[in-house]
Amino acid sequence: MQPTVLINQHRQTALVVAASGKKLLVVELLKGKLTVTSLSAKDIEKRGYHVSDYPPVQAAQAYLAHAAGVSERARGYLQEVAKGMFSGTLALE
């Protein structure tokens, strides 16, 4: 699974960090502490997200510096992505 940056029409971003069954584990850059959310492809579509060409490594590094903090679970995923062990994007179809 390739980490992938998503963006919606409001310029809100999210980072797909893993897959769990038919759902994707996503860290959304929202107000408050960053956490991992399990979303289906349909949920992602409802939120208006589409795949961005922004590099996942850079997004993970920015998310790790989020002023409101990052949950331990999200931090673990983000640190793996920030190490640059992955490249490319995930097709959401």
PDB file of N, CA and C in Angstrom:
ATOM      1  N   MET A   1       0.839  -1.175   0.000  1.00  0.00           N
ATOM      2  CA  MET A   1       0.000   0.000   0.000  1.00  0.00           C
ATOM      3  C   MET A   1       0.879   1.231   0.000  1.00  0.00           C
ATOM      4  N   GLN A   2       0.585   2.136  -0.874  1.00  0.00           N
ATOM      5  CA  GLN A   2       1.352   3.376  -0.979  1.00  0.00           C
ATOM      6  C   GLN A   2       0.621   4.493  -0.244  1.00  0.00           C
ATOM      7  N   PRO A   3       1.290   5.187   0.670  1.00  0.00           N
ATOM      8  CA  PRO A   3       0.670   6.363   1.288  1.00  0.00           C
ATOM      9  C   PRO A   3       0.327   7.366   0.191  1.00  0.00           C
ATOM     10  N   THR A   4      -0.793   8.051   0.362  1.00  0.00           N
ATOM     11  CA  THR A   4      -1.272   8.963  -0.659  1.00  0.00           C
ATOM     12  C   THR A   4      -1.879  10.192  -0.011  1.00  0.00           C
ATOM     13  N   VAL A   5      -1.571  11.352  -0.547  1.00  0.00           N
ATOM     14  CA  VAL A   5      -2.159  12.598  -0.067  1.00  0.00           C
ATOM     15  C   VAL A   5      -3.464  12.840  -0.817  1.00  0.00           C
ATOM     16  N   LEU A   6      -4.490  13.213  -0.054  1.00  0.00           N
ATOM     17  CA  LEU A   6      -5.792  13.552  -0.618  1.00  0.00           C
ATOM     18  C   LEU A   6      -6.074  15.020  -0.331  1.00  0.00           C
ATOM     19  N   ILE A   7      -6.859  15.642  -1.190  1.00  0.00           N
ATOM     20  CA  ILE A   7      -7.258  17.039  -0.985  1.00  0.00           C
ATOM     21  C   ILE A   7      -8.702  17.184  -1.448  1.00  0.00           C
ATOM     22  N   ASN A   8      -9.449  18.089  -0.796  1.00  0.00           N
ATOM     23  CA  ASN A   8     -10.822  18.334  -1.246  1.00  0.00           C
ATOM     24  C   ASN A   8     -10.974  19.770  -1.738  1.00  0.00           C
ATOM     25  N   GLN A   9     -12.192  20.133  -2.121  1.00  0.00           N
ATOM     26  CA  GLN A   9     -12.443  21.446  -2.709  1.00  0.00           C
ATOM     27  C   GLN A   9     -12.210  22.586  -1.721  1.00  0.00           C
ATOM     28  N   HIS A  10     -12.155  22.294  -0.429  1.00  0.00           N
ATOM     29  CA  HIS A  10     -11.899  23.303   0.601  1.00  0.00           C
ATOM     30  C   HIS A  10     -10.412  23.378   0.948  1.00  0.00           C
ATOM     31  N   ARG A  11      -9.606  22.684   0.177  1.00  0.00           N
ATOM     32  CA  ARG A  11      -8.144  22.610   0.369  1.00  0.00           C
ATOM     33  C   ARG A  11      -7.771  21.922   1.678  1.00  0.00           C
ATOM     34  N   GLN A  12      -8.678  21.099   2.210  1.00  0.00           N
ATOM     35  CA  GLN A  12      -8.371  20.284   3.380  1.00  0.00           C
ATOM     36  C   GLN A  12      -7.638  19.049   2.881  1.00  0.00           C
ATOM     37  N   THR A  13      -6.613  18.656   3.603  1.00  0.00           N
ATOM     38  CA  THR A  13      -5.830  17.503   3.169  1.00  0.00           C
ATOM     39  C   THR A  13      -5.949  16.350   4.154  1.00  0.00           C
ATOM     40  N   ALA A  14      -5.640  15.185   3.637  1.00  0.00           N
ATOM     41  CA  ALA A  14      -5.629  13.960   4.429  1.00  0.00           C
ATOM     42  C   ALA A  14      -4.528  13.076   3.852  1.00  0.00           C
ATOM     43  N   LEU A  15      -4.020  12.194   4.675  1.00  0.00           N
ATOM     44  CA  LEU A  15      -2.971  11.285   4.238  1.00  0.00           C
ATOM     45  C   LEU A  15      -3.419   9.855   4.494  1.00  0.00           C
ATOM     46  N   VAL A  16      -3.532   9.076   3.424  1.00  0.00           N
ATOM     47  CA  VAL A  16      -3.846   7.653   3.560  1.00  0.00           C
ATOM     48  C   VAL A  16      -2.557   6.968   3.998  1.00  0.00           C
ATOM     49  N   VAL A  17      -2.594   6.327   5.192  1.00  0.00           N
ATOM     50  CA  VAL A  17      -1.374   5.761   5.753  1.00  0.00           C
ATOM     51  C   VAL A  17      -1.347   4.234   5.740  1.00  0.00           C
ATOM     52  N   ALA A  18      -2.519   3.600   5.580  1.00  0.00           N
ATOM     53  CA  ALA A  18      -2.566   2.136   5.583  1.00  0.00           C
ATOM     54  C   ALA A  18      -3.948   1.677   5.139  1.00  0.00           C
ATOM     55  N   ALA A  19      -4.067   0.383   4.914  1.00  0.00           N
ATOM     56  CA  ALA A  19      -5.350  -0.229   4.591  1.00  0.00           C
ATOM     57  C   ALA A  19      -5.686  -1.240   5.670  1.00  0.00           C
ATOM     58  N   SER A  20      -6.985  -1.359   5.954  1.00  0.00           N
ATOM     59  CA  SER A  20      -7.466  -2.325   6.935  1.00  0.00           C
ATOM     60  C   SER A  20      -8.723  -2.958   6.362  1.00  0.00           C
ATOM     61  N   GLY A  21      -8.563  -4.118   5.777  1.00  0.00           N
ATOM     62  CA  GLY A  21      -9.689  -4.746   5.095  1.00  0.00           C
ATOM     63  C   GLY A  21     -10.083  -3.909   3.892  1.00  0.00           C
ATOM     64  N   LYS A  22     -11.375  -3.556   3.804  1.00  0.00           N
ATOM     65  CA  LYS A  22     -11.858  -2.744   2.689  1.00  0.00           C
ATOM     66  C   LYS A  22     -11.778  -1.256   2.987  1.00  0.00           C
ATOM     67  N   LYS A  23     -11.315  -0.905   4.168  1.00  0.00           N
ATOM     68  CA  LYS A  23     -11.235   0.508   4.553  1.00  0.00           C
ATOM     69  C   LYS A  23      -9.793   0.992   4.523  1.00  0.00           C
ATOM     70  N   LEU A  24      -9.658   2.301   4.407  1.00  0.00           N
ATOM     71  CA  LEU A  24      -8.339   2.930   4.418  1.00  0.00           C
ATOM     72  C   LEU A  24      -8.167   3.669   5.739  1.00  0.00           C
ATOM     73  N   LEU A  25      -6.975   3.620   6.281  1.00  0.00           N
ATOM     74  CA  LEU A  25      -6.662   4.363   7.494  1.00  0.00           C
ATOM     75  C   LEU A  25      -6.110   5.709   7.069  1.00  0.00           C
ATOM     76  N   VAL A  26      -6.755   6.763   7.531  1.00  0.00           N
ATOM     77  CA  VAL A  26      -6.488   8.112   7.056  1.00  0.00           C
ATOM     78  C   VAL A  26      -6.207   9.035   8.238  1.00  0.00           C
ATOM     79  N   VAL A  27      -5.221   9.908   8.082  1.00  0.00           N
ATOM     80  CA  VAL A  27      -4.971  10.985   9.035  1.00  0.00           C
ATOM     81  C   VAL A  27      -5.401  12.263   8.330  1.00  0.00           C
ATOM     82  N   GLU A  28      -6.468  12.896   8.861  1.00  0.00           N
ATOM     83  CA  GLU A  28      -6.968  14.136   8.267  1.00  0.00           C
ATOM     84  C   GLU A  28      -6.370  15.325   9.012  1.00  0.00           C
ATOM     85  N   LEU A  29      -5.951  16.332   8.248  1.00  0.00           N
ATOM     86  CA  LEU A  29      -5.405  17.542   8.840  1.00  0.00           C
ATOM     87  C   LEU A  29      -6.580  18.462   9.165  1.00  0.00           C
ATOM     88  N   LEU A  30      -7.071  18.326  10.389  1.00  0.00           N
ATOM     89  CA  LEU A  30      -8.206  19.109  10.865  1.00  0.00           C
ATOM     90  C   LEU A  30      -7.803  19.816  12.150  1.00  0.00           C
ATOM     91  N   LYS A  31      -8.712  20.643  12.674  1.00  0.00           N
ATOM     92  CA  LYS A  31      -8.452  21.294  13.951  1.00  0.00           C
ATOM     93  C   LYS A  31      -8.392  20.226  15.035  1.00  0.00           C
ATOM     94  N   GLY A  32      -7.575  20.471  16.037  1.00  0.00           N
ATOM     95  CA  GLY A  32      -7.451  19.526  17.133  1.00  0.00           C
ATOM     96  C   GLY A  32      -6.381  18.485  16.856  1.00  0.00           C
ATOM     97  N   LYS A  33      -6.255  17.572  17.798  1.00  0.00           N
ATOM     98  CA  LYS A  33      -5.242  16.519  17.722  1.00  0.00           C
ATOM     99  C   LYS A  33      -5.491  15.618  16.511  1.00  0.00           C
ATOM    100  N   LEU A  34      -4.430  15.300  15.782  1.00  0.00           N
ATOM    101  CA  LEU A  34      -4.562  14.428  14.614  1.00  0.00           C
ATOM    102  C   LEU A  34      -4.705  12.987  15.069  1.00  0.00           C
ATOM    103  N   THR A  35      -5.678  12.303  14.489  1.00  0.00           N
ATOM    104  CA  THR A  35      -5.919  10.903  14.816  1.00  0.00           C
ATOM    105  C   THR A  35      -6.073  10.104  13.527  1.00  0.00           C
ATOM    106  N   VAL A  36      -6.091   8.792  13.675  1.00  0.00           N
ATOM    107  CA  VAL A  36      -6.301   7.890  12.537  1.00  0.00           C
ATOM    108  C   VAL A  36      -7.789   7.569  12.452  1.00  0.00           C
ATOM    109  N   THR A  37      -8.347   7.722  11.261  1.00  0.00           N
ATOM    110  CA  THR A  37      -9.753   7.423  11.012  1.00  0.00           C
ATOM    111  C   THR A  37      -9.847   6.340   9.946  1.00  0.00           C
ATOM    112  N   SER A  38     -10.761   5.416  10.124  1.00  0.00           N
ATOM    113  CA  SER A  38     -10.993   4.357   9.143  1.00  0.00           C
ATOM    114  C   SER A  38     -12.118   4.803   8.211  1.00  0.00           C
ATOM    115  N   LEU A  39     -11.816   4.922   6.919  1.00  0.00           N
ATOM    116  CA  LEU A  39     -12.796   5.387   5.941  1.00  0.00           C
ATOM    117  C   LEU A  39     -12.879   4.439   4.751  1.00  0.00           C
ATOM    118  N   SER A  40     -14.089   4.254   4.268  1.00  0.00           N
ATOM    119  CA  SER A  40     -14.271   3.490   3.030  1.00  0.00           C
ATOM    120  C   SER A  40     -14.033   4.437   1.847  1.00  0.00           C
ATOM    121  N   ALA A  41     -13.887   3.861   0.671  1.00  0.00           N
ATOM    122  CA  ALA A  41     -13.717   4.682  -0.531  1.00  0.00           C
ATOM    123  C   ALA A  41     -14.931   5.592  -0.714  1.00  0.00           C
ATOM    124  N   LYS A  42     -16.103   5.103  -0.352  1.00  0.00           N
ATOM    125  CA  LYS A  42     -17.327   5.904  -0.466  1.00  0.00           C
ATOM    126  C   LYS A  42     -17.294   7.078   0.507  1.00  0.00           C
ATOM    127  N   ASP A  43     -16.815   6.862   1.735  1.00  0.00           N
ATOM    128  CA  ASP A  43     -16.676   7.942   2.716  1.00  0.00           C
ATOM    129  C   ASP A  43     -15.727   9.012   2.200  1.00  0.00           C
ATOM    130  N   ILE A  44     -14.630   8.577   1.606  1.00  0.00           N
ATOM    131  CA  ILE A  44     -13.633   9.509   1.065  1.00  0.00           C
ATOM    132  C   ILE A  44     -14.273  10.345  -0.049  1.00  0.00           C
ATOM    133  N   GLU A  45     -15.039   9.691  -0.892  1.00  0.00           N
ATOM    134  CA  GLU A  45     -15.718  10.383  -1.987  1.00  0.00           C
ATOM    135  C   GLU A  45     -16.730  11.391  -1.437  1.00  0.00           C
ATOM    136  N   LYS A  46     -17.490  11.011  -0.412  1.00  0.00           N
ATOM    137  CA  LYS A  46     -18.481  11.909   0.189  1.00  0.00           C
ATOM    138  C   LYS A  46     -17.833  13.165   0.764  1.00  0.00           C
ATOM    139  N   ARG A  47     -16.614  13.037   1.253  1.00  0.00           N
ATOM    140  CA  ARG A  47     -15.896  14.180   1.819  1.00  0.00           C
ATOM    141  C   ARG A  47     -15.249  15.036   0.732  1.00  0.00           C
ATOM    142  N   GLY A  48     -15.396  14.605  -0.511  1.00  0.00           N
ATOM    143  CA  GLY A  48     -14.891  15.389  -1.632  1.00  0.00           C
ATOM    144  C   GLY A  48     -13.402  15.260  -1.882  1.00  0.00           C
ATOM    145  N   TYR A  49     -12.780  14.253  -1.286  1.00  0.00           N
ATOM    146  CA  TYR A  49     -11.337  14.084  -1.469  1.00  0.00           C
ATOM    147  C   TYR A  49     -11.016  13.471  -2.826  1.00  0.00           C
ATOM    148  N   HIS A  50      -9.903  13.898  -3.383  1.00  0.00           N
ATOM    149  CA  HIS A  50      -9.333  13.266  -4.575  1.00  0.00           C
ATOM    150  C   HIS A  50      -7.820  13.214  -4.386  1.00  0.00           C
ATOM    151  N   VAL A  51      -7.170  12.386  -5.159  1.00  0.00           N
ATOM    152  CA  VAL A  51      -5.731  12.176  -5.024  1.00  0.00           C
ATOM    153  C   VAL A  51      -4.974  13.436  -5.443  1.00  0.00           C
ATOM    154  N   SER A  52      -4.011  13.815  -4.622  1.00  0.00           N
ATOM    155  CA  SER A  52      -3.143  14.958  -4.884  1.00  0.00           C
ATOM    156  C   SER A  52      -1.770  14.452  -5.294  1.00  0.00           C
ATOM    157  N   ASP A  53      -1.029  15.289  -5.992  1.00  0.00           N
ATOM    158  CA  ASP A  53       0.335  14.894  -6.351  1.00  0.00           C
ATOM    159  C   ASP A  53       1.351  15.368  -5.307  1.00  0.00           C
ATOM    160  N   TYR A  54       0.867  15.901  -4.188  1.00  0.00           N
ATOM    161  CA  TYR A  54       1.763  16.355  -3.119  1.00  0.00           C
ATOM    162  C   TYR A  54       2.495  15.144  -2.536  1.00  0.00           C
ATOM    163  N   PRO A  55       3.790  15.249  -2.312  1.00  0.00           N
ATOM    164  CA  PRO A  55       4.562  14.100  -1.824  1.00  0.00           C
ATOM    165  C   PRO A  55       4.144  13.654  -0.411  1.00  0.00           C
ATOM    166  N   PRO A  56       3.835  12.385  -0.230  1.00  0.00           N
ATOM    167  CA  PRO A  56       3.435  11.876   1.078  1.00  0.00           C
ATOM    168  C   PRO A  56       4.481  12.118   2.174  1.00  0.00           C
ATOM    169  N   VAL A  57       5.751  12.045   1.827  1.00  0.00           N
ATOM    170  CA  VAL A  57       6.807  12.260   2.828  1.00  0.00           C
ATOM    171  C   VAL A  57       6.714  13.680   3.385  1.00  0.00           C
ATOM    172  N   GLN A  58       6.547  14.655   2.515  1.00  0.00           N
ATOM    173  CA  GLN A  58       6.438  16.040   2.968  1.00  0.00           C
ATOM    174  C   GLN A  58       5.176  16.260   3.796  1.00  0.00           C
ATOM    175  N   ALA A  59       4.078  15.658   3.382  1.00  0.00           N
ATOM    176  CA  ALA A  59       2.829  15.788   4.138  1.00  0.00           C
ATOM    177  C   ALA A  59       2.996  15.193   5.534  1.00  0.00           C
ATOM    178  N   ALA A  60       3.607  14.019   5.619  1.00  0.00           N
ATOM    179  CA  ALA A  60       3.798  13.361   6.916  1.00  0.00           C
ATOM    180  C   ALA A  60       4.662  14.219   7.827  1.00  0.00           C
ATOM    181  N   GLN A  61       5.701  14.814   7.288  1.00  0.00           N
ATOM    182  CA  GLN A  61       6.575  15.674   8.089  1.00  0.00           C
ATOM    183  C   GLN A  61       5.797  16.881   8.619  1.00  0.00           C
ATOM    184  N   ALA A  62       4.968  17.480   7.773  1.00  0.00           N
ATOM    185  CA  ALA A  62       4.154  18.626   8.200  1.00  0.00           C
ATOM    186  C   ALA A  62       3.132  18.210   9.252  1.00  0.00           C
ATOM    187  N   TYR A  63       2.503  17.067   9.061  1.00  0.00           N
ATOM    188  CA  TYR A  63       1.504  16.583  10.019  1.00  0.00           C
ATOM    189  C   TYR A  63       2.145  16.318  11.382  1.00  0.00           C
ATOM    190  N   LEU A  64       3.363  15.789  11.386  1.00  0.00           N
ATOM    191  CA  LEU A  64       4.048  15.502  12.649  1.00  0.00           C
ATOM    192  C   LEU A  64       4.311  16.778  13.450  1.00  0.00           C
ATOM    193  N   ALA A  65       4.363  17.918  12.778  1.00  0.00           N
ATOM    194  CA  ALA A  65       4.607  19.200  13.447  1.00  0.00           C
ATOM    195  C   ALA A  65       3.307  19.936  13.780  1.00  0.00           C
ATOM    196  N   HIS A  66       2.163  19.266  13.650  1.00  0.00           N
ATOM    197  CA  HIS A  66       0.855  19.886  13.882  1.00  0.00           C
ATOM    198  C   HIS A  66       0.785  20.474  15.291  1.00  0.00           C
ATOM    199  N   ALA A  67       0.418  21.749  15.376  1.00  0.00           N
ATOM    200  CA  ALA A  67       0.433  22.488  16.645  1.00  0.00           C
ATOM    201  C   ALA A  67      -0.468  21.878  17.724  1.00  0.00           C
ATOM    202  N   ALA A  68      -1.571  21.276  17.327  1.00  0.00           N
ATOM    203  CA  ALA A  68      -2.504  20.727  18.318  1.00  0.00           C
ATOM    204  C   ALA A  68      -2.129  19.316  18.764  1.00  0.00           C
ATOM    205  N   GLY A  69      -1.070  18.769  18.189  1.00  0.00           N
ATOM    206  CA  GLY A  69      -0.616  17.453  18.604  1.00  0.00           C
ATOM    207  C   GLY A  69      -1.061  16.331  17.683  1.00  0.00           C
ATOM    208  N   VAL A  70      -0.482  15.177  17.931  1.00  0.00           N
ATOM    209  CA  VAL A  70      -0.733  13.991  17.110  1.00  0.00           C
ATOM    210  C   VAL A  70      -0.892  12.807  18.054  1.00  0.00           C
ATOM    211  N   SER A  71      -1.919  11.994  17.845  1.00  0.00           N
ATOM    212  CA  SER A  71      -2.098  10.809  18.679  1.00  0.00           C
ATOM    213  C   SER A  71      -0.920   9.855  18.474  1.00  0.00           C
ATOM    214  N   GLU A  72      -0.688   8.986  19.427  1.00  0.00           N
ATOM    215  CA  GLU A  72       0.419   8.035  19.315  1.00  0.00           C
ATOM    216  C   GLU A  72       0.259   7.135  18.090  1.00  0.00           C
ATOM    217  N   ARG A  73      -0.964   6.689  17.845  1.00  0.00           N
ATOM    218  CA  ARG A  73      -1.215   5.819  16.686  1.00  0.00           C
ATOM    219  C   ARG A  73      -0.900   6.559  15.384  1.00  0.00           C
ATOM    220  N   ALA A  74      -1.395   7.793  15.268  1.00  0.00           N
ATOM    221  CA  ALA A  74      -1.137   8.585  14.067  1.00  0.00           C
ATOM    222  C   ALA A  74       0.355   8.864  13.940  1.00  0.00           C
ATOM    223  N   ARG A  75       1.012   9.175  15.054  1.00  0.00           N
ATOM    224  CA  ARG A  75       2.454   9.463  15.030  1.00  0.00           C
ATOM    225  C   ARG A  75       3.231   8.274  14.460  1.00  0.00           C
ATOM    226  N   GLY A  76       2.876   7.071  14.873  1.00  0.00           N
ATOM    227  CA  GLY A  76       3.564   5.881  14.382  1.00  0.00           C
ATOM    228  C   GLY A  76       3.461   5.738  12.873  1.00  0.00           C
ATOM    229  N   TYR A  77       2.254   5.893  12.341  1.00  0.00           N
ATOM    230  CA  TYR A  77       2.067   5.809  10.893  1.00  0.00           C
ATOM    231  C   TYR A  77       2.807   6.935  10.177  1.00  0.00           C
ATOM    232  N   LEU A  78       2.676   8.149  10.697  1.00  0.00           N
ATOM    233  CA  LEU A  78       3.302   9.298  10.052  1.00  0.00           C
ATOM    234  C   LEU A  78       4.822   9.193  10.043  1.00  0.00           C
ATOM    235  N   GLN A  79       5.393   8.670  11.115  1.00  0.00           N
ATOM    236  CA  GLN A  79       6.849   8.504  11.161  1.00  0.00           C
ATOM    237  C   GLN A  79       7.323   7.509  10.110  1.00  0.00           C
ATOM    238  N   GLU A  80       6.565   6.450   9.897  1.00  0.00           N
ATOM    239  CA  GLU A  80       6.918   5.476   8.851  1.00  0.00           C
ATOM    240  C   GLU A  80       6.902   6.127   7.471  1.00  0.00           C
ATOM    241  N   VAL A  81       5.871   6.908   7.207  1.00  0.00           N
ATOM    242  CA  VAL A  81       5.767   7.581   5.909  1.00  0.00           C
ATOM    243  C   VAL A  81       6.884   8.612   5.769  1.00  0.00           C
ATOM    244  N   ALA A  82       7.151   9.355   6.842  1.00  0.00           N
ATOM    245  CA  ALA A  82       8.176  10.407   6.799  1.00  0.00           C
ATOM    246  C   ALA A  82       9.577   9.849   6.546  1.00  0.00           C
ATOM    247  N   LYS A  83       9.799   8.583   6.862  1.00  0.00           N
ATOM    248  CA  LYS A  83      11.096   7.964   6.601  1.00  0.00           C
ATOM    249  C   LYS A  83      11.359   7.811   5.106  1.00  0.00           C
ATOM    250  N   GLY A  84      10.300   7.995   4.308  1.00  0.00           N
ATOM    251  CA  GLY A  84      10.464   7.929   2.857  1.00  0.00           C
ATOM    252  C   GLY A  84      10.563   6.519   2.319  1.00  0.00           C
ATOM    253  N   MET A  85      10.014   5.564   3.036  1.00  0.00           N
ATOM    254  CA  MET A  85      10.090   4.173   2.599  1.00  0.00           C
ATOM    255  C   MET A  85       9.111   3.873   1.470  1.00  0.00           C
ATOM    256  N   PHE A  86       8.227   4.810   1.165  1.00  0.00           N
ATOM    257  CA  PHE A  86       7.208   4.582   0.159  1.00  0.00           C
ATOM    258  C   PHE A  86       7.281   5.646  -0.912  1.00  0.00           C
ATOM    259  N   SER A  87       6.716   5.355  -2.069  1.00  0.00           N
ATOM    260  CA  SER A  87       6.598   6.347  -3.123  1.00  0.00           C
ATOM    261  C   SER A  87       5.375   5.999  -3.969  1.00  0.00           C
ATOM    262  N   GLY A  88       4.970   6.902  -4.800  1.00  0.00           N
ATOM    263  CA  GLY A  88       3.827   6.646  -5.668  1.00  0.00           C
ATOM    264  C   GLY A  88       2.525   7.001  -5.007  1.00  0.00           C
ATOM    265  N   THR A  89       1.420   6.613  -5.637  1.00  0.00           N
ATOM    266  CA  THR A  89       0.099   6.926  -5.117  1.00  0.00           C
ATOM    267  C   THR A  89      -0.780   5.693  -5.140  1.00  0.00           C
ATOM    268  N   LEU A  90      -1.885   5.804  -4.462  1.00  0.00           N
ATOM    269  CA  LEU A  90      -2.858   4.738  -4.364  1.00  0.00           C
ATOM    270  C   LEU A  90      -4.052   5.110  -5.229  1.00  0.00           C
ATOM    271  N   ALA A  91      -4.501   4.234  -6.094  1.00  0.00           N
ATOM    272  CA  ALA A  91      -5.654   4.503  -6.928  1.00  0.00           C
ATOM    273  C   ALA A  91      -6.914   4.277  -6.107  1.00  0.00           C
ATOM    274  N   LEU A  92      -7.775   5.273  -6.037  1.00  0.00           N
ATOM    275  CA  LEU A  92      -9.034   5.174  -5.272  1.00  0.00           C
ATOM    276  C   LEU A  92     -10.177   4.958  -6.247  1.00  0.00           C
ATOM    277  N   GLU A  93     -10.367   3.732  -6.654  1.00  0.00           N
ATOM    278  CA  GLU A  93     -11.419   3.437  -7.623  1.00  0.00           C
ATOM    279  C   GLU A  93     -12.238   2.274  -7.162  1.00  0.00           C
TER     280      GLU A  93
END
